[in-house]
Amino acid sequence: SLASAHLAYFYANRKLNIDIRLITFGEPRTGNRDYAFVHDTLVPASFRIVHRGDLVPHLPNCLINLRTFECSSRFGFGPYHHGLEVWYPENMTGTPPHRVCLGQPLNEDKTCSDGYYRHYTINDHLFYFGEHVSNYGISGCKTSGTIAKTNL
């Protein structure tokens, strides 16, 4: 999450002159709605991969609109996601099905992981594409070959 904030800063200040794609795994909310929309403008190829009921992408809690029960950012102060969610509602081994979450509210589509709140668990945060996430850092992000390739 700190890396995505740095990326947006460098991109906004034109310190990076390259086409950037940002893909995060289990990222928590990192800013408010204004930050999210500016980030999406500066880094349009920004994707958040979410494994089934991963708890962490739902922290810190967003403000809930009591009329629609959707995640909102009342008056621009509450936490809100940037980037397009790609939700894997099942186990992430083999070639798992996934959903690109284009519903409303933007970046907080309640038909994807935001609507899976009864099943949130930290265990889904620990395993992505059949690998324990700590193995990615230990191995220098090399995998055992079980990760499904996507066209993001």
Protein backbone atom coordinates (compact mmCIF):
# COMPACT_ATOMS: atom_id res chain seq x y z
CA SER A 1 0.00 0.00 0.00
CA LEU A 2 2.89 2.36 0.68
CA ALA A 3 4.35 1.35 -2.68
CA SER A 4 1.18 2.36 -4.49
CA ALA A 5 1.24 5.79 -2.80
CA HIS A 6 4.89 6.26 -3.85
CA LEU A 7 4.06 5.14 -7.37
CA ALA A 8 1.25 7.69 -7.65
CA TYR A 9 3.58 10.44 -6.35
CA PHE A 10 6.37 9.65 -8.82
CA TYR A 11 3.94 9.29 -11.70
CA ALA A 12 2.20 12.58 -10.84
CA ASN A 13 5.52 14.41 -10.70
CA ARG A 14 6.65 12.80 -13.97
CA LYS A 15 9.69 11.29 -12.31
CA LEU A 16 8.80 8.06 -14.06
CA ASN A 17 8.46 8.28 -17.81
CA ILE A 18 7.20 4.77 -18.46
CA ASP A 19 3.90 2.97 -18.89
CA ILE A 20 3.12 1.53 -15.47
CA ARG A 21 0.89 -1.37 -14.47
CA LEU A 22 0.24 -1.78 -10.77
CA ILE A 23 -0.99 -5.15 -9.53
CA THR A 24 -1.38 -5.68 -5.79
CA PHE A 25 -2.44 -8.72 -3.80
CA GLY A 26 -4.73 -8.29 -0.80
CA GLU A 27 -4.14 -4.54 -0.53
CA PRO A 28 -5.89 -2.62 2.27
CA ARG A 29 -7.63 0.70 1.62
CA THR A 30 -4.88 3.33 1.39
CA GLY A 31 -6.65 6.66 1.01
CA ASN A 32 -9.97 8.45 0.70
CA ARG A 33 -12.20 8.71 -2.37
CA ASP A 34 -10.37 11.78 -3.74
CA TYR A 35 -7.02 9.98 -3.46
CA ALA A 36 -8.52 6.90 -5.15
CA PHE A 37 -9.82 8.83 -8.15
CA VAL A 38 -6.58 10.80 -8.59
CA HIS A 39 -4.62 7.54 -8.33
CA ASP A 40 -6.85 5.92 -10.96
CA THR A 41 -6.28 8.89 -13.28
CA LEU A 42 -2.51 8.81 -12.83
CA VAL A 43 -2.15 5.01 -12.88
CA PRO A 44 -5.04 3.79 -15.04
CA ALA A 45 -3.68 0.22 -15.26
CA SER A 46 -4.08 -0.40 -11.52
CA PHE A 47 -5.50 -3.75 -10.40
CA ARG A 48 -6.19 -5.16 -6.94
CA ILE A 49 -6.23 -8.96 -6.80
CA VAL A 50 -8.47 -10.25 -3.98
CA HIS A 51 -8.60 -13.90 -2.93
CA ARG A 52 -12.08 -15.06 -1.91
CA GLY A 53 -12.77 -13.77 1.64
CA ASP A 54 -9.44 -12.04 2.28
CA LEU A 55 -10.06 -9.76 5.27
CA VAL A 56 -7.25 -7.24 4.67
CA PRO A 57 -8.70 -5.50 1.56
CA HIS A 58 -11.66 -4.50 3.73
CA LEU A 59 -9.50 -2.64 6.26
CA PRO A 60 -9.71 0.00 7.42
CA ASN A 61 -13.47 -0.20 7.30
CA CYS A 62 -15.15 2.09 4.83
CA LEU A 63 -18.12 4.19 5.81
CA ILE A 64 -21.37 2.41 5.00
CA ASN A 65 -24.16 4.34 3.34
CA LEU A 66 -27.13 3.38 5.53
CA ARG A 67 -29.56 3.82 2.63
CA THR A 68 -27.77 1.61 0.08
CA PHE A 69 -25.44 -0.38 2.37
CA GLU A 70 -22.62 0.38 -0.05
CA CYS A 71 -19.15 1.52 0.83
CA SER A 72 -18.97 5.29 0.62
CA SER A 73 -16.51 8.02 1.44
CA ARG A 74 -18.79 10.52 3.15
CA PHE A 75 -17.53 14.05 2.59
CA GLY A 76 -14.27 12.57 1.23
CA PHE A 77 -12.92 11.52 4.63
CA GLY A 78 -13.47 7.77 4.82
CA PRO A 79 -11.09 5.11 3.46
CA TYR A 80 -11.75 4.06 -0.12
CA HIS A 81 -10.08 1.73 -2.64
CA HIS A 82 -8.24 2.79 -5.75
CA GLY A 83 -7.76 0.45 -8.68
CA LEU A 84 -9.99 -2.10 -10.29
CA GLU A 85 -10.73 -5.17 -8.19
CA VAL A 86 -10.14 -8.59 -9.74
CA TRP A 87 -11.86 -11.04 -7.41
CA TYR A 88 -11.15 -14.76 -7.22
CA PRO A 89 -14.21 -16.10 -5.36
CA GLU A 90 -12.86 -19.66 -5.14
CA ASN A 91 -9.57 -21.40 -4.47
CA MET A 92 -6.75 -19.85 -6.51
CA THR A 93 -5.04 -23.05 -7.69
CA GLY A 94 -4.96 -24.27 -11.28
CA THR A 95 -6.81 -21.88 -13.56
CA PRO A 96 -9.30 -20.34 -11.15
CA PRO A 97 -12.33 -18.34 -12.31
CA HIS A 98 -12.22 -14.64 -11.54
CA ARG A 99 -14.39 -11.54 -11.89
CA VAL A 100 -13.32 -8.10 -13.02
CA CYS A 101 -15.45 -5.92 -10.74
CA LEU A 102 -16.94 -3.09 -12.80
CA GLY A 103 -20.06 -2.47 -10.70
CA GLN A 104 -20.97 0.49 -8.52
CA PRO A 105 -19.78 2.13 -6.44
CA LEU A 106 -16.60 2.36 -8.52
CA ASN A 107 -13.69 0.42 -6.91
CA GLU A 108 -16.01 -0.78 -4.11
CA ASP A 109 -18.31 -3.10 -6.11
CA LYS A 110 -20.59 -4.78 -3.57
CA THR A 111 -21.24 -7.69 -5.97
CA CYS A 112 -17.60 -8.75 -5.56
CA SER A 113 -15.56 -9.19 -2.37
CA ASP A 114 -17.31 -6.27 -0.63
CA GLY A 115 -20.47 -8.41 -0.65
CA TYR A 116 -18.69 -11.48 0.76
CA TYR A 117 -18.41 -10.00 4.28
CA ARG A 118 -19.93 -12.98 6.11
CA HIS A 119 -16.96 -15.08 5.01
CA TYR A 120 -13.96 -12.78 5.61
CA THR A 121 -10.93 -14.63 6.94
CA ILE A 122 -7.25 -13.88 7.41
CA ASN A 123 -6.38 -17.30 5.96
CA ASP A 124 -7.40 -16.16 2.46
CA HIS A 125 -4.90 -13.29 2.84
CA LEU A 126 -2.05 -15.72 3.49
CA PHE A 127 -2.41 -17.75 0.29
CA TYR A 128 -2.51 -16.33 -3.23
CA PHE A 129 -2.37 -18.58 -6.31
CA GLY A 130 -1.57 -21.62 -4.17
CA GLU A 131 1.49 -20.01 -2.56
CA HIS A 132 1.96 -18.71 0.96
CA VAL A 133 2.51 -14.97 0.39
CA SER A 134 5.69 -14.91 2.50
CA ASN A 135 7.27 -17.28 -0.05
CA TYR A 136 7.10 -14.56 -2.71
CA GLY A 137 9.49 -12.30 -0.80
CA ILE A 138 11.77 -15.11 0.37
CA SER A 139 12.17 -16.45 -3.17
CA GLY A 140 12.56 -13.03 -4.80
CA CYS A 141 9.02 -13.34 -6.24
CA LYS A 142 9.83 -16.56 -8.09
CA THR A 143 7.00 -19.06 -7.87
CA SER A 144 6.72 -22.80 -7.92
CA GLY A 145 4.88 -22.53 -11.23
CA THR A 146 1.36 -22.83 -9.82
CA ILE A 147 0.36 -19.25 -10.54
CA ALA A 148 -2.21 -18.86 -13.29
CA LYS A 149 -1.28 -16.26 -15.87
CA THR A 150 -3.73 -13.42 -16.41
CA ASN A 151 -3.98 -10.80 -19.11
CA LEU A 152 -4.10 -7.70 -16.94
